[in-house]
């Protein structure tokens, strides 16, 4: 499996679904309180931007637009991020 495949799988199987769950949970918390705090709004915007970036990376991978070095850097960064969550 190439690094590009690993990156694509990590994004599609773990990162994007995790972001979508977090966004849904934040929406539920906002809905329950009927008012979003400034921090919640900022968190929601940040998560949406991350999700958009993840989808863009998946598209770029599909079009073979990323350099091998960039793929390796992204993969390492996302793996670090996931291990910090655990």
Protein backbone atom coordinates (compact mmCIF):
# COMPACT_ATOMS: atom_id res chain seq x y z
CA UNK A 1 0.00 0.00 0.00
CA UNK A 2 1.42 3.37 -1.00
CA UNK A 3 1.60 6.38 1.30
CA UNK A 4 -1.06 8.02 -0.87
CA UNK A 5 -3.37 5.04 -0.26
CA UNK A 6 -2.65 5.16 3.47
CA UNK A 7 -3.39 8.88 3.57
CA UNK A 8 -6.62 8.47 1.60
CA UNK A 9 -7.77 5.63 3.85
CA UNK A 10 -6.89 7.52 7.02
CA UNK A 11 -8.88 10.52 5.82
CA UNK A 12 -11.90 8.59 4.53
CA UNK A 13 -12.11 5.94 7.25
CA UNK A 14 -11.04 7.82 10.36
CA UNK A 15 -10.49 11.57 10.14
CA UNK A 16 -13.54 12.70 8.13
CA UNK A 17 -16.02 10.46 10.01
CA UNK A 18 -14.55 11.62 13.35
CA UNK A 19 -14.95 15.25 12.29
CA UNK A 20 -18.52 14.65 11.18
CA UNK A 21 -19.37 13.03 14.54
CA UNK A 22 -17.78 15.93 16.41
CA UNK A 23 -19.70 18.45 14.28
CA UNK A 24 -22.97 16.57 14.90
CA UNK A 25 -22.29 16.45 18.64
CA UNK A 26 -21.54 20.17 18.73
CA UNK A 27 -24.73 20.92 16.79
CA UNK A 28 -26.68 18.80 19.29
CA UNK A 29 -25.14 20.67 22.23
CA UNK A 30 -25.93 24.02 20.59
CA UNK A 31 -29.48 22.90 19.82
CA UNK A 32 -29.99 21.70 23.39
CA UNK A 33 -28.85 25.01 24.88
CA UNK A 34 -30.66 26.97 22.11
CA UNK A 35 -27.68 29.33 21.93
CA UNK A 36 -24.15 28.87 20.72
CA UNK A 37 -21.32 30.37 22.71
CA UNK A 38 -18.53 32.21 20.92
CA UNK A 39 -16.23 29.25 21.61
CA UNK A 40 -18.74 26.77 20.16
CA UNK A 41 -19.11 28.89 17.03
CA UNK A 42 -15.33 29.04 16.62
CA UNK A 43 -14.98 25.28 17.21
CA UNK A 44 -17.72 24.56 14.69
CA UNK A 45 -16.12 26.78 12.07
CA UNK A 46 -12.70 25.20 12.67
CA UNK A 47 -14.07 21.66 12.35
CA UNK A 48 -15.95 22.54 9.17
CA UNK A 49 -12.78 24.02 7.67
CA UNK A 50 -10.80 20.91 8.62
CA UNK A 51 -13.44 18.68 7.03
CA UNK A 52 -13.37 20.78 3.84
CA UNK A 53 -9.58 20.56 3.75
CA UNK A 54 -9.73 16.78 4.22
CA UNK A 55 -12.17 16.40 1.32
CA UNK A 56 -9.89 18.61 -0.80
CA UNK A 57 -6.88 16.42 0.01
CA UNK A 58 -8.83 13.29 -0.96
CA UNK A 59 -9.76 14.94 -4.27
CA UNK A 60 -6.14 15.98 -4.90
CA UNK A 61 -5.01 12.42 -4.18
CA UNK A 62 -7.56 11.14 -6.69
CA UNK A 63 -6.18 13.49 -9.33
CA UNK A 64 -2.59 12.61 -8.38
CA UNK A 65 -1.81 16.27 -7.68
CA UNK A 66 0.24 15.86 -4.49
CA UNK A 67 3.98 15.36 -4.37
CA UNK A 68 5.28 12.30 -2.50
CA UNK A 69 6.97 14.52 0.08
CA UNK A 70 3.73 16.40 0.76
CA UNK A 71 1.84 13.12 1.12
CA UNK A 72 4.39 11.87 3.65
CA UNK A 73 4.17 15.11 5.65
CA UNK A 74 0.38 15.07 5.71
CA UNK A 75 0.32 11.41 6.69
CA UNK A 76 2.80 11.97 9.54
CA UNK A 77 0.89 15.03 10.76
CA UNK A 78 -2.46 13.24 10.78
CA UNK A 79 -1.03 10.15 12.49
CA UNK A 80 0.46 12.42 15.18
CA UNK A 81 -2.87 14.16 15.58
CA UNK A 82 -4.71 10.84 15.92
CA UNK A 83 -2.20 9.49 18.47
CA UNK A 84 -2.54 12.65 20.58
CA UNK A 85 -6.32 12.07 20.73
CA UNK A 86 -5.91 8.57 22.10
